[in-house]
N, C-alpha and C. Protein backbone atom coordinates (compact mmCIF):
# COMPACT_ATOMS: atom_id res chain seq x y z
N UNK A 1 161.44 152.23 104.31
CA UNK A 1 161.93 151.23 103.40
C UNK A 1 163.06 150.47 104.08
N UNK A 2 163.04 149.12 104.01
CA UNK A 2 164.07 148.33 104.70
C UNK A 2 165.42 148.45 104.01
N UNK A 3 166.42 148.23 104.76
CA UNK A 3 167.79 148.28 104.24
C UNK A 3 168.06 147.07 103.36
N UNK A 4 168.81 147.30 102.33
CA UNK A 4 169.23 146.24 101.44
C UNK A 4 170.72 146.04 101.67
N UNK A 5 171.23 144.86 101.36
CA UNK A 5 172.67 144.62 101.54
C UNK A 5 173.51 145.64 100.78
N UNK A 6 173.06 146.07 99.64
CA UNK A 6 173.82 147.05 98.85
C UNK A 6 173.91 148.38 99.59
N UNK A 7 172.80 148.71 100.33
CA UNK A 7 172.81 149.96 101.11
C UNK A 7 173.88 149.90 102.19
N UNK A 8 173.98 148.75 102.81
CA UNK A 8 175.02 148.61 103.86
C UNK A 8 176.40 148.69 103.22
N UNK A 9 176.55 148.04 102.09
CA UNK A 9 177.84 148.03 101.40
C UNK A 9 178.27 149.44 100.95
N UNK A 10 177.34 150.21 100.49
CA UNK A 10 177.66 151.54 99.97
C UNK A 10 177.68 152.62 101.05
N UNK A 11 177.36 152.25 102.24
CA UNK A 11 177.32 153.25 103.31
C UNK A 11 178.73 153.79 103.56
N UNK A 12 178.81 155.10 103.55
CA UNK A 12 180.10 155.77 103.80
C UNK A 12 179.93 156.59 105.07
N UNK A 13 180.84 156.39 105.98
CA UNK A 13 180.78 157.14 107.23
C UNK A 13 181.74 158.33 107.16
N UNK A 14 181.35 159.37 107.74
CA UNK A 14 182.27 160.53 107.76
C UNK A 14 183.37 160.28 108.78
N UNK A 15 184.48 160.91 108.57
CA UNK A 15 185.64 160.63 109.43
C UNK A 15 185.69 161.65 110.56
N UNK A 16 185.93 161.12 111.66
CA UNK A 16 186.05 161.98 112.82
C UNK A 16 187.48 161.98 113.32
N UNK A 17 187.74 162.80 114.31
CA UNK A 17 189.08 162.95 114.82
C UNK A 17 189.59 161.67 115.42
N UNK A 18 189.00 161.15 116.20
CA UNK A 18 189.49 159.90 116.77
C UNK A 18 188.45 158.85 116.45
N UNK A 19 188.25 158.51 115.30
CA UNK A 19 187.20 157.60 114.85
C UNK A 19 187.62 156.15 115.03
N UNK A 20 186.72 155.26 114.56
CA UNK A 20 186.95 153.83 114.63
C UNK A 20 187.94 153.39 113.59
N UNK A 21 188.52 152.21 113.80
CA UNK A 21 189.47 151.67 112.85
C UNK A 21 188.69 151.29 111.60
N UNK A 22 189.06 151.86 110.49
CA UNK A 22 188.33 151.70 109.24
C UNK A 22 188.31 150.24 108.80
N UNK A 23 189.36 149.50 108.87
CA UNK A 23 189.41 148.09 108.45
C UNK A 23 188.49 147.23 109.34
N UNK A 24 188.52 147.55 110.60
CA UNK A 24 187.67 146.78 111.52
C UNK A 24 186.20 147.06 111.22
N UNK A 25 185.83 148.30 110.97
CA UNK A 25 184.45 148.67 110.63
C UNK A 25 184.05 148.00 109.33
N UNK A 26 184.95 148.05 108.30
CA UNK A 26 184.65 147.43 107.01
C UNK A 26 184.48 145.91 107.15
N UNK A 27 185.32 145.33 107.95
CA UNK A 27 185.23 143.89 108.17
C UNK A 27 183.90 143.54 108.86
N UNK A 28 183.52 144.35 109.82
CA UNK A 28 182.26 144.13 110.52
C UNK A 28 181.08 144.32 109.57
N UNK A 29 181.16 145.37 108.75
CA UNK A 29 180.09 145.63 107.79
C UNK A 29 179.98 144.48 106.78
N UNK A 30 181.12 143.94 106.35
CA UNK A 30 181.08 142.79 105.43
C UNK A 30 180.37 141.61 106.09
N UNK A 31 180.65 141.41 107.36
CA UNK A 31 179.99 140.32 108.09
C UNK A 31 178.49 140.58 108.20
N UNK A 32 178.12 141.83 108.47
CA UNK A 32 176.70 142.21 108.58
C UNK A 32 176.02 142.01 107.23
N UNK A 33 176.71 142.38 106.14
CA UNK A 33 176.15 142.21 104.79
C UNK A 33 175.89 140.73 104.52
N UNK A 34 176.87 139.87 104.84
CA UNK A 34 176.70 138.43 104.60
C UNK A 34 175.51 137.89 105.42
N UNK A 35 175.49 138.26 106.69
CA UNK A 35 174.40 137.77 107.55
C UNK A 35 173.05 138.30 107.08
N UNK A 36 173.03 139.55 106.67
CA UNK A 36 171.79 140.18 106.21
C UNK A 36 171.32 139.52 104.91
N UNK A 37 172.25 139.23 103.99
CA UNK A 37 171.89 138.55 102.75
C UNK A 37 171.35 137.15 103.05
N UNK A 38 172.00 136.49 104.00
CA UNK A 38 171.56 135.16 104.38
C UNK A 38 170.14 135.24 104.98
N UNK A 39 169.87 136.19 105.81
CA UNK A 39 168.54 136.35 106.41
C UNK A 39 167.51 136.66 105.33
N UNK A 40 167.87 137.51 104.37
CA UNK A 40 166.95 137.84 103.27
C UNK A 40 166.65 136.59 102.45
N UNK A 41 167.71 135.79 102.15
CA UNK A 41 167.53 134.54 101.40
C UNK A 41 166.59 133.58 102.18
N UNK A 42 166.88 133.44 103.47
CA UNK A 42 166.05 132.57 104.29
C UNK A 42 164.60 133.06 104.33
N UNK A 43 164.48 134.40 104.43
CA UNK A 43 163.14 134.99 104.43
C UNK A 43 162.43 134.67 103.12
N UNK A 44 163.14 134.81 102.02
CA UNK A 44 162.58 134.53 100.70
C UNK A 44 162.18 133.05 100.60
N UNK A 45 163.09 132.18 101.07
CA UNK A 45 162.79 130.74 101.05
C UNK A 45 161.57 130.44 101.91
N UNK A 46 161.51 131.05 103.08
CA UNK A 46 160.37 130.82 103.97
C UNK A 46 159.08 131.38 103.35
N UNK A 47 159.19 132.53 102.70
CA UNK A 47 158.01 133.09 102.03
C UNK A 47 157.54 132.17 100.91
N UNK A 48 158.52 131.62 100.14
CA UNK A 48 158.17 130.66 99.09
C UNK A 48 157.50 129.42 99.68
N UNK A 49 158.09 128.94 100.77
CA UNK A 49 157.55 127.76 101.42
C UNK A 49 156.14 128.05 101.96
N UNK A 50 155.96 129.21 102.57
CA UNK A 50 154.65 129.61 103.08
C UNK A 50 153.66 129.68 101.92
N UNK A 51 154.11 130.25 100.77
CA UNK A 51 153.24 130.35 99.61
C UNK A 51 152.83 128.96 99.13
N UNK A 52 153.80 128.04 99.06
CA UNK A 52 153.50 126.67 98.65
C UNK A 52 152.51 126.01 99.62
N UNK A 53 152.80 126.22 100.91
CA UNK A 53 151.91 125.62 101.91
C UNK A 53 150.51 126.23 101.86
N UNK A 54 150.44 127.51 101.60
CA UNK A 54 149.13 128.17 101.46
C UNK A 54 148.39 127.64 100.23
N UNK A 55 149.15 127.42 99.13
CA UNK A 55 148.54 126.86 97.92
C UNK A 55 148.01 125.45 98.20
N UNK A 56 148.85 124.65 98.90
CA UNK A 56 148.42 123.30 99.25
C UNK A 56 147.21 123.33 100.18
N UNK A 57 147.27 124.25 101.14
CA UNK A 57 146.15 124.40 102.07
C UNK A 57 144.89 124.79 101.30
N UNK A 58 145.03 125.72 100.36
CA UNK A 58 143.88 126.13 99.54
C UNK A 58 143.37 124.94 98.73
N UNK A 59 144.31 124.15 98.18
CA UNK A 59 143.94 122.97 97.41
C UNK A 59 143.16 121.98 98.30
N UNK A 60 143.71 121.70 99.49
CA UNK A 60 143.05 120.77 100.40
C UNK A 60 141.72 121.34 100.92
N UNK A 61 141.69 122.63 101.13
CA UNK A 61 140.44 123.27 101.54
C UNK A 61 139.39 123.11 100.45
N UNK A 62 139.83 123.31 99.21
CA UNK A 62 138.92 123.12 98.07
C UNK A 62 138.44 121.67 98.01
N UNK A 63 139.36 120.72 98.20
CA UNK A 63 139.00 119.30 98.19
C UNK A 63 138.02 119.02 99.33
N UNK A 64 138.29 119.60 100.49
CA UNK A 64 137.40 119.40 101.64
C UNK A 64 136.00 119.94 101.33
N UNK A 65 135.94 121.14 100.75
CA UNK A 65 134.65 121.72 100.40
C UNK A 65 133.92 120.84 99.37
N UNK A 66 134.70 120.37 98.38
CA UNK A 66 134.11 119.50 97.36
C UNK A 66 133.58 118.21 97.99
N UNK A 67 134.38 117.62 98.89
CA UNK A 67 133.95 116.40 99.56
C UNK A 67 132.71 116.64 100.41
N UNK A 68 132.71 117.78 101.13
CA UNK A 68 131.53 118.11 101.95
C UNK A 68 130.29 118.26 101.07
N UNK A 69 130.46 118.95 99.94
CA UNK A 69 129.33 119.10 99.02
C UNK A 69 128.90 117.74 98.48
N UNK A 70 129.90 116.91 98.14
CA UNK A 70 129.59 115.57 97.62
C UNK A 70 128.85 114.75 98.66
N UNK A 71 129.29 114.84 99.90
CA UNK A 71 128.63 114.11 100.98
C UNK A 71 127.19 114.59 101.14
N UNK A 72 127.01 115.90 101.11
CA UNK A 72 125.66 116.46 101.24
C UNK A 72 124.79 116.00 100.08
N UNK A 73 125.34 116.05 98.87
CA UNK A 73 124.58 115.61 97.69
C UNK A 73 124.26 114.13 97.80
N UNK A 74 125.24 113.34 98.25
CA UNK A 74 125.01 111.90 98.40
C UNK A 74 123.93 111.63 99.44
N UNK A 75 123.97 112.37 100.56
CA UNK A 75 122.95 112.20 101.59
C UNK A 75 121.57 112.59 101.06
N UNK A 76 121.51 113.70 100.33
CA UNK A 76 120.23 114.13 99.76
C UNK A 76 119.72 113.12 98.75
N UNK A 77 120.64 112.62 97.92
CA UNK A 77 120.26 111.61 96.93
C UNK A 77 119.77 110.34 97.61
N UNK A 78 120.50 109.93 98.64
CA UNK A 78 120.10 108.72 99.38
C UNK A 78 118.72 108.92 100.00
N UNK A 79 118.48 110.07 100.57
CA UNK A 79 117.18 110.37 101.17
C UNK A 79 116.08 110.36 100.10
N UNK A 80 116.40 110.95 98.95
CA UNK A 80 115.44 110.99 97.85
C UNK A 80 115.14 109.58 97.35
N UNK A 81 116.19 108.77 97.21
CA UNK A 81 116.01 107.38 96.77
C UNK A 81 115.17 106.62 97.79
N UNK A 82 115.46 106.85 99.06
CA UNK A 82 114.72 106.19 100.14
C UNK A 82 113.24 106.59 100.08
N UNK A 83 112.97 107.88 99.91
CA UNK A 83 111.58 108.35 99.83
C UNK A 83 110.88 107.77 98.60
N UNK A 84 111.59 107.75 97.46
CA UNK A 84 111.00 107.18 96.25
C UNK A 84 110.71 105.70 96.44
N UNK A 85 111.63 105.01 97.09
CA UNK A 85 111.43 103.57 97.34
C UNK A 85 110.23 103.36 98.26
N UNK A 86 110.09 104.22 99.27
CA UNK A 86 108.94 104.10 100.17
C UNK A 86 107.64 104.38 99.41
N UNK A 87 107.65 105.40 98.55
CA UNK A 87 106.45 105.70 97.76
C UNK A 87 106.11 104.51 96.86
N UNK A 88 107.13 103.99 96.21
CA UNK A 88 106.91 102.85 95.30
C UNK A 88 106.41 101.64 96.08
N UNK A 89 106.97 101.42 97.27
CA UNK A 89 106.53 100.29 98.09
C UNK A 89 105.06 100.47 98.48
N UNK A 90 104.67 101.70 98.84
CA UNK A 90 103.27 101.96 99.20
C UNK A 90 102.36 101.71 98.00
N UNK A 91 102.80 102.16 96.81
CA UNK A 91 102.00 101.91 95.61
C UNK A 91 101.86 100.42 95.33
N UNK A 92 102.96 99.70 95.48
CA UNK A 92 102.93 98.25 95.25
C UNK A 92 101.99 97.58 96.25
N UNK A 93 102.06 98.02 97.51
CA UNK A 93 101.19 97.44 98.54
C UNK A 93 99.73 97.74 98.23
N UNK A 94 99.44 99.00 97.85
CA UNK A 94 98.06 99.36 97.50
C UNK A 94 97.56 98.51 96.34
N UNK A 95 98.41 98.37 95.31
CA UNK A 95 98.03 97.57 94.15
C UNK A 95 97.80 96.11 94.55
N UNK A 96 98.68 95.60 95.40
CA UNK A 96 98.54 94.20 95.86
C UNK A 96 97.25 94.04 96.67
N UNK A 97 96.95 95.04 97.51
CA UNK A 97 95.71 94.97 98.29
C UNK A 97 94.49 95.00 97.38
N UNK A 98 94.53 95.87 96.36
CA UNK A 98 93.42 95.92 95.40
C UNK A 98 93.26 94.56 94.72
N UNK A 99 94.40 94.00 94.25
CA UNK A 99 94.34 92.69 93.59
C UNK A 99 93.83 91.62 94.54
N UNK A 100 94.29 91.68 95.78
CA UNK A 100 93.85 90.70 96.77
C UNK A 100 92.35 90.84 97.00
N UNK A 101 91.87 92.08 97.15
CA UNK A 101 90.43 92.30 97.32
C UNK A 101 89.66 91.77 96.12
N UNK A 102 90.15 92.07 94.94
CA UNK A 102 89.49 91.60 93.72
C UNK A 102 89.45 90.08 93.69
N UNK A 103 90.60 89.46 94.00
CA UNK A 103 90.67 87.99 93.97
C UNK A 103 89.73 87.39 95.02
N UNK A 104 89.72 87.98 96.22
CA UNK A 104 88.83 87.48 97.27
C UNK A 104 87.38 87.65 96.85
N UNK A 105 87.05 88.82 96.30
CA UNK A 105 85.67 89.05 95.86
C UNK A 105 85.27 88.07 94.75
N UNK A 106 86.19 87.84 93.80
CA UNK A 106 85.91 86.88 92.75
C UNK A 106 85.72 85.48 93.33
N UNK A 107 86.58 85.13 94.28
CA UNK A 107 86.48 83.81 94.91
C UNK A 107 85.16 83.68 95.66
N UNK A 108 84.77 84.72 96.40
CA UNK A 108 83.49 84.68 97.11
C UNK A 108 82.32 84.56 96.13
N UNK A 109 82.42 85.33 95.04
CA UNK A 109 81.37 85.26 94.03
C UNK A 109 81.28 83.86 93.44
N UNK A 110 82.42 83.28 93.12
CA UNK A 110 82.43 81.91 92.57
C UNK A 110 81.90 80.92 93.60
N UNK A 111 82.30 81.13 94.88
CA UNK A 111 81.85 80.22 95.93
C UNK A 111 80.33 80.31 96.07
N UNK A 112 79.78 81.52 96.03
CA UNK A 112 78.32 81.70 96.09
C UNK A 112 77.65 81.01 94.91
N UNK A 113 78.22 81.23 93.73
CA UNK A 113 77.66 80.62 92.53
C UNK A 113 77.68 79.09 92.63
N UNK A 114 78.81 78.56 93.10
CA UNK A 114 78.94 77.11 93.25
C UNK A 114 77.94 76.60 94.30
N UNK A 115 77.80 77.36 95.40
CA UNK A 115 76.84 76.97 96.44
C UNK A 115 75.43 76.94 95.88
N UNK A 116 75.09 77.95 95.07
CA UNK A 116 73.76 77.97 94.44
C UNK A 116 73.60 76.79 93.50
N UNK A 117 74.66 76.50 92.73
CA UNK A 117 74.61 75.36 91.82
C UNK A 117 74.44 74.06 92.59
N UNK A 118 75.14 73.96 93.74
CA UNK A 118 75.02 72.74 94.57
C UNK A 118 73.59 72.60 95.08
N UNK A 119 73.03 73.70 95.55
CA UNK A 119 71.64 73.66 96.03
C UNK A 119 70.70 73.24 94.90
N UNK A 120 70.91 73.81 93.73
CA UNK A 120 70.08 73.46 92.58
C UNK A 120 70.24 71.97 92.23
N UNK A 121 71.50 71.48 92.27
CA UNK A 121 71.73 70.05 91.98
C UNK A 121 71.09 69.18 93.05
N UNK A 122 71.12 69.61 94.31
CA UNK A 122 70.47 68.84 95.38
C UNK A 122 68.97 68.75 95.11
N UNK A 123 68.37 69.90 94.73
CA UNK A 123 66.94 69.91 94.43
C UNK A 123 66.64 68.98 93.26
N UNK A 124 67.46 69.10 92.21
CA UNK A 124 67.25 68.26 91.03
C UNK A 124 67.43 66.78 91.38
N UNK A 125 68.43 66.48 92.23
CA UNK A 125 68.65 65.07 92.58
C UNK A 125 67.50 64.54 93.43
N UNK A 126 66.92 65.40 94.32
CA UNK A 126 65.75 64.98 95.11
C UNK A 126 64.57 64.69 94.18
N UNK A 127 64.36 65.62 93.21
CA UNK A 127 63.27 65.41 92.25
C UNK A 127 63.51 64.14 91.46
N UNK A 128 64.75 63.95 90.97
CA UNK A 128 65.08 62.75 90.19
C UNK A 128 64.89 61.50 91.04
N UNK A 129 65.33 61.56 92.28
CA UNK A 129 65.23 60.41 93.19
C UNK A 129 63.76 60.07 93.41
N UNK A 130 62.97 61.09 93.70
CA UNK A 130 61.54 60.84 93.93
C UNK A 130 60.87 60.26 92.69
N UNK A 131 61.20 60.84 91.53
CA UNK A 131 60.61 60.33 90.29
C UNK A 131 61.05 58.89 90.02
N UNK A 132 62.38 58.65 90.22
CA UNK A 132 62.92 57.32 90.00
C UNK A 132 62.28 56.32 90.97
N UNK A 133 62.13 56.77 92.23
CA UNK A 133 61.51 55.92 93.26
C UNK A 133 60.06 55.61 92.86
N UNK A 134 59.36 56.64 92.39
CA UNK A 134 57.97 56.44 91.97
C UNK A 134 57.91 55.49 90.79
N UNK A 135 58.87 55.64 89.83
CA UNK A 135 58.90 54.76 88.67
C UNK A 135 59.15 53.32 89.09
N UNK A 136 60.11 53.14 90.00
CA UNK A 136 60.43 51.78 90.46
C UNK A 136 59.25 51.19 91.24
N UNK A 137 58.63 52.03 92.09
CA UNK A 137 57.48 51.56 92.84
C UNK A 137 56.35 51.18 91.89
N UNK A 138 56.16 52.00 90.85
CA UNK A 138 55.11 51.69 89.87
C UNK A 138 55.43 50.38 89.16
N UNK A 139 56.70 50.19 88.82
CA UNK A 139 57.10 48.96 88.15
C UNK A 139 56.91 47.78 89.10
N UNK A 140 57.27 47.96 90.37
CA UNK A 140 57.09 46.88 91.35
C UNK A 140 55.60 46.57 91.53
N UNK A 141 54.82 47.64 91.56
CA UNK A 141 53.37 47.42 91.68
C UNK A 141 52.86 46.61 90.50
N UNK A 142 53.40 46.98 89.32
CA UNK A 142 52.98 46.26 88.13
C UNK A 142 53.42 44.80 88.19
N UNK A 143 54.62 44.57 88.65
CA UNK A 143 55.12 43.18 88.74
C UNK A 143 54.35 42.41 89.80
N UNK A 144 53.99 43.06 90.89
CA UNK A 144 53.29 42.40 91.98
C UNK A 144 51.77 42.31 91.72
N UNK A 145 51.32 42.90 90.64
CA UNK A 145 49.88 42.88 90.38
C UNK A 145 49.41 41.46 90.02
N UNK A 146 48.12 41.22 90.14
CA UNK A 146 47.54 39.90 89.88
C UNK A 146 47.48 39.61 88.39
N UNK A 147 47.62 40.64 87.58
CA UNK A 147 47.57 40.43 86.14
C UNK A 147 48.65 39.47 85.69
N UNK A 148 49.79 39.53 86.29
CA UNK A 148 50.89 38.63 85.92
C UNK A 148 50.51 37.18 86.28
N UNK A 149 49.89 37.06 87.42
CA UNK A 149 49.50 35.71 87.84
C UNK A 149 48.45 35.14 86.88
N UNK A 150 47.53 35.99 86.43
CA UNK A 150 46.49 35.54 85.51
C UNK A 150 47.11 35.14 84.18
N UNK A 151 48.12 35.89 83.74
CA UNK A 151 48.77 35.54 82.49
C UNK A 151 49.42 34.17 82.57
N UNK A 152 49.92 33.85 83.73
CA UNK A 152 50.58 32.57 83.89
C UNK A 152 49.57 31.42 83.91
N UNK A 153 48.36 31.74 84.20
CA UNK A 153 47.35 30.69 84.28
C UNK A 153 46.91 30.23 82.89
N UNK A 154 47.05 31.07 81.94
CA UNK A 154 46.63 30.65 80.60
C UNK A 154 47.50 29.51 80.15
N UNK A 155 46.80 28.48 79.62
CA UNK A 155 47.52 27.31 79.15
C UNK A 155 47.30 27.22 77.65
N UNK A 156 48.33 27.36 76.92
CA UNK A 156 48.22 27.29 75.48
C UNK A 156 49.09 26.17 75.00
N UNK A 157 48.54 25.50 73.97
CA UNK A 157 49.28 24.40 73.38
C UNK A 157 49.87 24.90 72.10
N UNK A 158 51.13 24.72 71.93
CA UNK A 158 51.81 25.22 70.76
C UNK A 158 51.36 24.46 69.51
N UNK A 159 50.92 23.23 69.63
CA UNK A 159 50.47 22.48 68.48
C UNK A 159 49.16 23.04 67.96
N UNK A 160 48.33 23.48 68.86
CA UNK A 160 47.07 24.07 68.44
C UNK A 160 47.35 25.35 67.66
N UNK A 161 48.31 26.12 68.12
CA UNK A 161 48.65 27.37 67.45
C UNK A 161 49.21 27.08 66.08
N UNK A 162 49.94 26.00 65.96
CA UNK A 162 50.53 25.65 64.69
C UNK A 162 49.44 25.29 63.69
N UNK A 163 48.47 24.53 64.12
CA UNK A 163 47.39 24.14 63.23
C UNK A 163 46.55 25.34 62.86
N UNK A 164 46.34 26.25 63.80
CA UNK A 164 45.60 27.47 63.50
C UNK A 164 46.37 28.30 62.48
N UNK A 165 47.63 28.31 62.62
CA UNK A 165 48.48 29.08 61.71
C UNK A 165 48.41 28.48 60.31
N UNK A 166 48.36 27.15 60.21
CA UNK A 166 48.27 26.47 58.92
C UNK A 166 46.92 26.72 58.28
N UNK A 167 45.87 26.67 59.09
CA UNK A 167 44.52 26.93 58.59
C UNK A 167 44.44 28.34 58.02
N UNK A 168 45.08 29.24 58.65
CA UNK A 168 45.08 30.63 58.23
C UNK A 168 45.78 30.76 56.89
N UNK A 169 46.84 30.06 56.70
CA UNK A 169 47.59 30.11 55.45
C UNK A 169 46.73 29.51 54.33
N UNK A 170 46.01 28.47 54.61
CA UNK A 170 45.14 27.84 53.61
C UNK A 170 44.06 28.80 53.18
N UNK A 171 43.50 29.52 54.09
CA UNK A 171 42.45 30.45 53.78
C UNK A 171 42.99 31.55 52.86
N UNK A 172 44.14 31.96 53.10
CA UNK A 172 44.73 33.04 52.28
C UNK A 172 45.04 32.51 50.90
N UNK A 173 45.44 31.25 50.82
CA UNK A 173 45.79 30.67 49.55
C UNK A 173 44.54 30.44 48.69
N UNK A 174 43.46 30.14 49.26
CA UNK A 174 42.24 29.90 48.52
C UNK A 174 41.60 31.20 48.12
N UNK A 175 41.76 32.09 48.83
CA UNK A 175 41.04 33.31 48.65
C UNK A 175 41.50 34.20 47.61
């Protein structure tokens, strides 16, 4: 057990025949007591300071651990977000490709349908053209025929027709 200042103070030495000067020994012991008390106080202060520093160190160590955990969680979260974004991007791309394929297929189908319609219209226009050509040729043949010339040769007098018309009316009136 370590000495305490009180132990030094209460220490009694036995007296010898030619011993030390009692006042000088007491004075020295008083000085030792003061120095020893001062060392104990300093030790106590240093222990308190060490305790405070250890508490602060523990606090900062805890903060460091918390920050490290937070960093790890943030990195994991960032990685997870990145992976989710990549998955979502792949899904969007797949969906866009499907839509693009569908649109292209629809466009090709419409283009084929339009091409078929164009071919059908070409056929119909050829038929119409041939029929129209035949109709015009028939009409031209009719106009160029000699029957028209013969019709022009007939000479009719309008006065004769008038008298015939009057005779006809008379017959109806008598009858």
